Amino acid sequence: MRLLITGGLGFIGSNLVRHLLKTYPAYEIINLDAETYAGHRENLEDVAQNPKYKLVVGRVEDAALVDEIVSGKKFGPIDGIINLAAESHVDRSIEDSSVFVKSNTLGTQVLLEATLKYGRKDGAQMPFKPEDYKIRYTQVSTDEVYGSLGPTGLFTEETPLAPNSPYSSSKASADLFCRAYFHTFGMPVVITRCSNNYGPYQHPEKLIPLFITNLLNGIKVPVYGDGLNVRDWLHVEDHCSAIDLAFHKGEPGEVYNVGGNNERTNMQITKLVLKELGKGDEMINYVQDRLGHDRRYAIDSSKIQKELGWKPKHTFETGIHETLKWYTSNTAWVKAVTKPHSSDVAAKKELVANK
């Protein structure tokens, strides 16, 4: 089987590429990645020489490049697409949402259109059905498309979409395109929506690796508002096993929520990291709350557990300890991926020029 993984140099993408190569050694993995500030070759140095792995540097919204791959002209026939390519940092989307629309929404539409164009079996007739396709498509989304929860309750697959940030709005729009291509064209599309991931290879702009790297460098950790915003934390390796199941066994047209059942306030996470690294509360820097900051997310994963047999292997206690150990043991990786990136430098120059 030959799979196209988009965004495979990123945090979740690199862990998924590694998971697939290990689980299915006969599979060929094509990784299409724009190599932005959050996508680094260092994330997959250990598989770079694997003959079953190929890296293509480019953007998912580049229709000509996507067509060349999905048509089979570049590497041969494609059997499946798992789309993880996305701009994902909420703060960045508040500063400039345009790149989020391009990568997350337009990029998804380009991938779906290529699947529609090249993914059907010969002789298929309208109205098309999922079995008329030779390419399966999985969209990796986020629980943020559901908006914010009150103090009780869980997000289910039936929860209405109510995104509250430019980032989550771009992801919700992409999900709706996937829904439309299933209902209109019968495309075998599956959507997964996950809670907050943590684990190795996460860029240090995100909460847990940011706090770890700050503290290792003697820098205070920034806590938004009162620190009582709640997130459900999922180990990235458990997420990858869920994506694997959804791609191979998921029912076309269905959504599968993936959560860790580990609700923690940001303050609980902060105190845990401080304790693990032997630091005190004096290292906390309370900052102004994020605009439109969602108060609570929590996922009901019962559907994927009952229908596909998925179960997380990591407890939060062991997972977070392993994650802390990984970052403290891989300071060279942290230094490499936090160097100023050309895309950031160009964006800053453009902002200054437009002022």
Protein backbone atom coordinates (compact mmCIF):
# COMPACT_ATOMS: atom_id res chain seq x y z
CA MET A 1 0.00 0.00 0.00
CA ARG A 2 1.22 3.48 -0.84
CA LEU A 3 0.01 6.30 1.43
CA LEU A 4 0.26 10.06 1.09
CA ILE A 5 0.72 11.66 4.51
CA THR A 6 0.50 15.45 4.46
CA GLY A 7 2.20 17.44 7.21
CA GLY A 8 4.40 14.48 8.09
CA LEU A 9 7.28 16.60 9.40
CA GLY A 10 5.08 18.11 12.10
CA PHE A 11 4.46 16.87 15.62
CA ILE A 12 1.57 14.46 15.07
CA GLY A 13 2.54 13.79 11.45
CA SER A 14 6.09 12.66 12.24
CA ASN A 15 4.85 10.39 15.00
CA LEU A 16 2.28 8.93 12.58
CA VAL A 17 4.87 8.32 9.84
CA ARG A 18 7.06 6.52 12.37
CA HIS A 19 4.07 4.49 13.63
CA LEU A 20 3.01 3.42 10.13
CA LEU A 21 6.51 2.42 9.01
CA LYS A 22 6.92 0.32 12.14
CA THR A 23 3.44 -1.23 12.06
CA TYR A 24 3.29 -1.82 8.30
CA PRO A 25 6.86 -2.34 7.05
CA ALA A 26 5.63 -3.16 3.53
CA TYR A 27 3.83 0.20 3.18
CA GLU A 28 5.37 3.04 1.21
CA ILE A 29 4.93 6.45 2.86
CA ILE A 30 5.05 9.66 0.84
CA ASN A 31 5.33 12.69 3.09
CA LEU A 32 4.21 16.02 1.62
CA ASP A 33 5.27 18.82 3.94
CA ALA A 34 5.84 22.56 3.50
CA GLU A 35 8.72 22.46 5.99
CA THR A 36 7.47 25.49 7.93
CA TYR A 37 8.69 26.60 11.36
CA ALA A 38 6.76 23.67 12.94
CA GLY A 39 7.83 20.99 10.45
CA HIS A 40 11.44 19.85 10.66
CA ARG A 41 13.45 17.08 9.04
CA GLU A 42 14.99 16.49 12.46
CA ASN A 43 11.62 15.01 13.47
CA LEU A 44 12.18 12.06 11.12
CA GLU A 45 15.96 11.73 11.02
CA ASP A 46 15.66 8.13 12.22
CA VAL A 47 13.64 7.06 9.15
CA ALA A 48 15.11 9.39 6.52
CA GLN A 49 17.12 6.56 4.93
CA ASN A 50 14.25 4.05 4.97
CA PRO A 51 13.62 3.06 1.32
CA LYS A 52 9.88 2.97 2.08
CA TYR A 53 9.87 6.67 3.04
CA LYS A 54 9.90 9.60 0.62
CA LEU A 55 9.76 13.32 1.44
CA VAL A 56 8.28 15.88 -0.94
CA VAL A 57 8.67 19.52 0.10
CA GLY A 58 5.63 21.52 -0.94
CA ARG A 59 2.27 22.88 0.13
CA VAL A 60 -1.07 21.08 0.09
CA GLU A 61 -2.73 24.05 -1.59
CA ASP A 62 -0.39 23.59 -4.59
CA ALA A 63 -2.90 21.83 -6.85
CA ALA A 64 -0.36 20.99 -9.57
CA LEU A 65 1.97 19.26 -7.11
CA VAL A 66 -0.87 17.42 -5.35
CA ASP A 67 -2.23 16.25 -8.72
CA GLU A 68 1.19 14.94 -9.72
CA ILE A 69 1.33 12.81 -6.56
CA VAL A 70 -2.30 11.66 -6.30
CA SER A 71 -2.51 10.83 -10.02
CA GLY A 72 0.32 8.36 -9.54
CA LYS A 73 2.61 10.10 -12.03
CA LYS A 74 5.31 10.86 -9.47
CA PHE A 75 5.53 7.69 -7.36
CA GLY A 76 2.90 5.29 -8.66
CA PRO A 77 -0.74 4.69 -7.62
CA ILE A 78 -1.84 6.13 -4.27
CA ASP A 79 -4.04 3.93 -2.05
CA GLY A 80 -4.80 6.40 0.72
CA ILE A 81 -4.43 9.97 1.96
CA ILE A 82 -4.18 11.05 5.59
CA ASN A 83 -4.28 14.82 5.84
CA LEU A 84 -2.48 16.30 8.85
CA ALA A 85 -1.09 19.38 7.09
CA ALA A 86 -2.29 22.35 9.11
CA GLU A 87 -1.38 25.59 10.75
CA SER A 88 -2.43 24.88 14.31
CA HIS A 89 -1.36 27.61 16.74
CA VAL A 90 -4.33 29.67 17.91
CA ASP A 91 -2.27 32.75 18.81
CA ARG A 92 -0.80 32.87 15.33
CA SER A 93 -4.28 32.61 13.80
CA ILE A 94 -5.36 35.64 15.84
CA GLU A 95 -2.43 37.63 14.45
CA ASP A 96 -3.00 36.56 10.83
CA SER A 97 -5.69 34.09 9.75
CA SER A 98 -4.92 34.10 6.02
CA VAL A 99 -2.32 31.32 6.10
CA PHE A 100 -4.75 29.18 8.13
CA VAL A 101 -7.40 29.51 5.45
CA LYS A 102 -4.87 28.59 2.75
CA SER A 103 -3.33 25.57 4.49
CA ASN A 104 -6.26 24.22 6.47
CA THR A 105 -9.26 24.97 4.26
CA LEU A 106 -7.99 25.43 0.70
CA GLY A 107 -5.39 22.69 1.19
CA THR A 108 -8.10 20.23 2.21
CA GLN A 109 -10.25 21.17 -0.80
CA VAL A 110 -7.28 20.62 -3.13
CA LEU A 111 -6.65 17.15 -1.67
CA LEU A 112 -10.33 16.22 -1.90
CA GLU A 113 -10.55 17.41 -5.50
CA ALA A 114 -7.47 15.38 -6.45
CA THR A 115 -9.01 12.32 -4.79
CA LEU A 116 -12.22 12.92 -6.74
CA LYS A 117 -10.29 13.30 -9.99
CA TYR A 118 -7.90 10.37 -9.66
CA GLY A 119 -9.30 8.20 -6.89
CA ARG A 120 -12.24 6.48 -8.57
CA LYS A 121 -12.07 2.99 -10.02
CA ASP A 122 -12.37 2.60 -13.76
CA GLY A 123 -15.96 2.31 -14.94
CA ALA A 124 -17.52 3.89 -11.83
CA GLN A 125 -20.82 5.57 -12.60
CA MET A 126 -22.70 8.38 -10.84
CA PRO A 127 -24.06 8.49 -8.23
CA PHE A 128 -20.70 7.40 -6.82
CA LYS A 129 -20.45 5.23 -3.70
CA PRO A 130 -17.48 4.72 -1.33
CA GLU A 131 -16.74 1.33 -2.90
CA ASP A 132 -16.27 3.06 -6.27
CA TYR A 133 -13.02 4.59 -5.01
CA LYS A 134 -9.53 3.12 -4.91
CA ILE A 135 -8.23 5.89 -2.62
CA ARG A 136 -9.36 6.22 1.02
CA TYR A 137 -9.18 9.66 2.66
CA THR A 138 -8.82 10.49 6.35
CA GLN A 139 -9.02 14.06 7.68
CA VAL A 140 -7.30 14.70 11.01
CA SER A 141 -9.20 17.47 12.77
CA THR A 142 -9.53 18.87 16.30
CA ASP A 143 -12.00 19.08 19.17
CA GLU A 144 -11.70 22.86 18.93
CA VAL A 145 -14.24 22.85 16.09
CA TYR A 146 -16.91 22.16 18.73
CA GLY A 147 -16.25 25.41 20.58
CA SER A 148 -16.23 25.61 24.37
CA LEU A 149 -17.88 23.43 27.00
CA GLY A 150 -19.40 24.47 30.30
CA PRO A 151 -18.27 22.89 33.57
CA THR A 152 -19.94 19.57 32.70
CA GLY A 153 -20.57 17.41 29.65
CA LEU A 154 -18.44 16.00 26.83
CA PHE A 155 -18.04 16.61 23.12
CA THR A 156 -19.64 13.83 21.09
CA GLU A 157 -19.63 13.35 17.34
CA GLU A 158 -23.13 14.87 17.30
CA THR A 159 -22.08 18.10 19.06
CA PRO A 160 -22.77 21.05 16.70
CA LEU A 161 -19.74 22.81 15.28
CA ALA A 162 -19.18 26.16 16.97
CA PRO A 163 -15.54 27.21 16.42
CA ASN A 164 -14.39 30.28 18.32
CA SER A 165 -10.97 31.09 16.82
CA PRO A 166 -9.73 31.67 13.28
CA TYR A 167 -7.74 28.43 13.60
CA SER A 168 -10.68 26.27 14.64
CA SER A 169 -12.91 27.98 12.07
CA SER A 170 -10.51 27.00 9.29
CA LYS A 171 -10.51 23.40 10.56
CA ALA A 172 -14.30 23.31 10.85
CA SER A 173 -14.56 24.57 7.28
CA ALA A 174 -12.23 21.79 6.14
CA ASP A 175 -14.39 19.23 7.97
CA LEU A 176 -17.47 20.51 6.19
CA PHE A 177 -15.74 20.15 2.81
CA CYS A 178 -15.00 16.53 3.73
CA ARG A 179 -18.63 15.98 4.68
CA ALA A 180 -19.74 17.54 1.38
CA TYR A 181 -17.44 15.35 -0.74
CA PHE A 182 -18.80 12.25 1.01
CA HIS A 183 -22.46 13.21 0.57
CA THR A 184 -22.14 14.67 -2.93
CA PHE A 185 -19.56 12.35 -4.48
CA GLY A 186 -19.70 9.27 -2.25
CA MET A 187 -16.01 9.68 -1.40
CA PRO A 188 -14.76 7.32 1.37
CA VAL A 189 -13.87 10.12 3.78
CA VAL A 190 -13.38 9.62 7.52
CA ILE A 191 -12.82 12.48 9.99
CA THR A 192 -11.04 12.19 13.34
CA ARG A 193 -11.24 14.92 15.99
CA CYS A 194 -8.70 14.78 18.79
CA SER A 195 -8.12 16.49 22.10
CA ASN A 196 -4.85 18.22 23.07
CA ASN A 197 -1.86 16.07 22.15
CA TYR A 198 1.40 15.84 24.06
CA GLY A 199 4.55 13.79 23.62
CA PRO A 200 7.90 13.83 21.78
CA TYR A 201 8.68 16.09 18.82
CA GLN A 202 6.08 18.78 19.67
CA HIS A 203 7.26 22.26 18.73
CA PRO A 204 8.14 24.32 21.82
CA GLU A 205 5.49 26.96 21.08
CA LYS A 206 2.89 24.59 22.58
CA LEU A 207 2.12 24.59 26.30
CA ILE A 208 3.92 21.53 27.68
CA PRO A 209 7.16 21.73 25.64
CA LEU A 210 7.20 25.53 26.02
CA PHE A 211 7.05 25.24 29.79
CA ILE A 212 9.74 22.54 29.85
CA THR A 213 12.14 24.43 27.60
CA ASN A 214 11.53 27.74 29.41
CA LEU A 215 12.28 26.21 32.79
CA LEU A 216 15.39 24.43 31.53
CA ASN A 217 16.63 27.87 30.43
CA GLY A 218 15.65 29.64 33.64
CA ILE A 219 12.75 31.50 32.01
CA LYS A 220 9.37 31.91 33.69
CA VAL A 221 6.36 30.10 32.21
CA PRO A 222 3.46 32.26 30.90
CA VAL A 223 0.03 31.28 32.25
CA TYR A 224 -3.02 32.81 30.57
CA GLY A 225 -5.59 34.48 32.84
CA ASP A 226 -6.40 32.52 35.98
CA GLY A 227 -4.93 29.28 34.62
CA LEU A 228 -8.20 27.39 35.06
CA ASN A 229 -8.94 26.63 31.41
CA VAL A 230 -9.43 22.88 31.07
CA ARG A 231 -8.08 20.59 28.35
CA ASP A 232 -8.28 16.84 27.77
CA TRP A 233 -4.75 15.52 27.19
CA LEU A 234 -3.99 12.67 24.76
CA HIS A 235 -0.58 11.08 24.19
CA VAL A 236 0.43 11.45 20.54
CA GLU A 237 1.21 7.73 20.19
CA ASP A 238 -2.34 6.87 21.28
CA HIS A 239 -3.64 9.40 18.78
CA CYS A 240 -1.59 7.79 15.99
CA SER A 241 -3.03 4.36 16.75
CA ALA A 242 -6.52 5.88 16.53
CA ILE A 243 -5.77 7.50 13.15
CA ASP A 244 -4.44 4.16 11.94
CA LEU A 245 -7.70 2.41 12.91
CA ALA A 246 -9.89 5.16 11.48
CA PHE A 247 -8.07 5.03 8.14
CA HIS A 248 -8.15 1.24 7.82
CA LYS A 249 -11.46 0.38 9.47
CA GLY A 250 -13.49 3.58 9.79
CA GLU A 251 -16.90 3.80 8.17
CA PRO A 252 -16.96 6.29 5.27
CA GLY A 253 -18.75 9.50 6.16
CA GLU A 254 -18.26 9.02 9.90
CA VAL A 255 -16.56 11.19 12.51
CA TYR A 256 -14.54 9.62 15.33
CA ASN A 257 -13.63 11.61 18.44
CA VAL A 258 -10.31 10.70 20.05
CA GLY A 259 -9.59 11.81 23.61
CA GLY A 260 -7.36 10.83 26.49
CA ASN A 261 -9.96 11.13 29.26
CA ASN A 262 -7.39 13.24 31.11
CA GLU A 263 -8.93 16.60 31.96
CA ARG A 264 -6.48 18.99 33.59
CA THR A 265 -6.51 22.74 34.14
CA ASN A 266 -3.60 24.68 32.71
CA MET A 267 -2.59 25.42 36.29
CA GLN A 268 -2.46 21.70 37.13
CA ILE A 269 -0.19 21.16 34.13
CA THR A 270 1.95 24.10 35.21
CA LYS A 271 2.36 22.84 38.77
CA LEU A 272 3.14 19.33 37.54
CA VAL A 273 5.92 20.52 35.22
CA LEU A 274 7.31 22.81 37.91
CA LYS A 275 7.42 19.92 40.38
CA GLU A 276 9.02 17.51 37.91
CA LEU A 277 11.78 20.03 37.18
CA GLY A 278 12.28 21.06 40.79
CA LYS A 279 10.98 24.62 40.37
CA GLY A 280 8.64 26.72 42.52
CA ASP A 281 5.66 29.01 41.93
CA GLU A 282 8.01 31.97 41.56
CA MET A 283 8.62 30.73 37.99
CA ILE A 284 4.98 31.44 37.00
CA ASN A 285 4.29 34.59 35.00
CA TYR A 286 0.57 35.37 34.76
CA VAL A 287 -0.23 37.06 31.43
CA GLN A 288 -3.31 38.62 29.88
CA ASP A 289 -5.79 35.99 28.75
CA ARG A 290 -5.96 34.99 25.09
CA LEU A 291 -8.70 36.64 23.04
CA GLY A 292 -11.77 34.38 22.86
CA HIS A 293 -10.05 31.75 25.02
CA ASP A 294 -12.24 28.61 25.19
CA ARG A 295 -12.81 27.60 28.80
CA ARG A 296 -13.07 23.82 28.60
CA TYR A 297 -12.69 20.94 26.15
CA ALA A 298 -13.49 17.31 26.93
CA ILE A 299 -13.93 14.38 24.54
CA ASP A 300 -16.24 11.38 24.57
CA SER A 301 -14.24 8.65 22.77
CA SER A 302 -16.76 5.86 23.31
CA LYS A 303 -17.64 5.60 19.60
CA ILE A 304 -14.14 4.79 18.35
CA GLN A 305 -13.61 2.45 21.30
CA LYS A 306 -16.83 0.51 20.69
CA GLU A 307 -16.82 0.48 16.89
CA LEU A 308 -13.11 0.22 16.07
CA GLY A 309 -11.69 -1.25 19.29
CA TRP A 310 -9.34 1.64 20.07
CA LYS A 311 -7.94 2.05 23.57
CA PRO A 312 -5.26 4.46 24.79
CA LYS A 313 -2.16 2.73 26.19
CA HIS A 314 -0.67 5.68 28.06
CA THR A 315 -1.89 6.94 31.40
CA PHE A 316 -1.36 10.66 31.82
CA GLU A 317 0.95 10.10 34.79
CA THR A 318 3.36 7.83 32.89
CA GLY A 319 2.96 9.70 29.60
CA ILE A 320 3.79 13.13 30.99
CA HIS A 321 6.79 11.75 32.90
CA GLU A 322 8.14 10.13 29.71
CA THR A 323 7.53 13.39 27.81
CA LEU A 324 9.43 15.46 30.35
CA LYS A 325 12.29 12.98 30.21
CA TRP A 326 12.34 13.13 26.40
CA TYR A 327 12.63 16.92 26.26
CA THR A 328 15.30 17.08 28.94
CA SER A 329 17.27 14.41 27.02
CA ASN A 330 16.87 16.06 23.60
CA THR A 331 18.00 19.64 24.13
CA ALA A 332 19.92 19.58 20.83
CA TRP A 333 16.64 18.88 19.01
CA VAL A 334 14.95 21.75 20.87
CA LYS A 335 17.76 24.12 19.87
CA ALA A 336 17.57 23.02 16.23
CA VAL A 337 13.80 23.47 15.85
CA THR A 338 13.61 26.80 17.64
CA LYS A 339 16.01 28.63 15.33
CA PRO A 340 14.35 31.55 13.50
CA HIS A 341 12.60 30.18 10.42
CA SER A 342 12.65 31.89 7.03
CA SER A 343 8.85 31.89 6.82
CA ASP A 344 8.59 33.74 10.14
CA VAL A 345 11.21 36.28 9.12
CA ALA A 346 9.40 36.92 5.81
CA ALA A 347 6.03 37.26 7.57
CA LYS A 348 7.43 39.79 10.03
CA LYS A 349 8.94 41.86 7.21
CA GLU A 350 5.61 41.85 5.39
CA LEU A 351 3.74 43.01 8.51
CA VAL A 352 6.21 45.86 9.00
CA ALA A 353 5.94 46.85 5.32
CA ASN A 354 2.15 46.95 5.51
CA LYS A 355 1.97 49.11 8.63
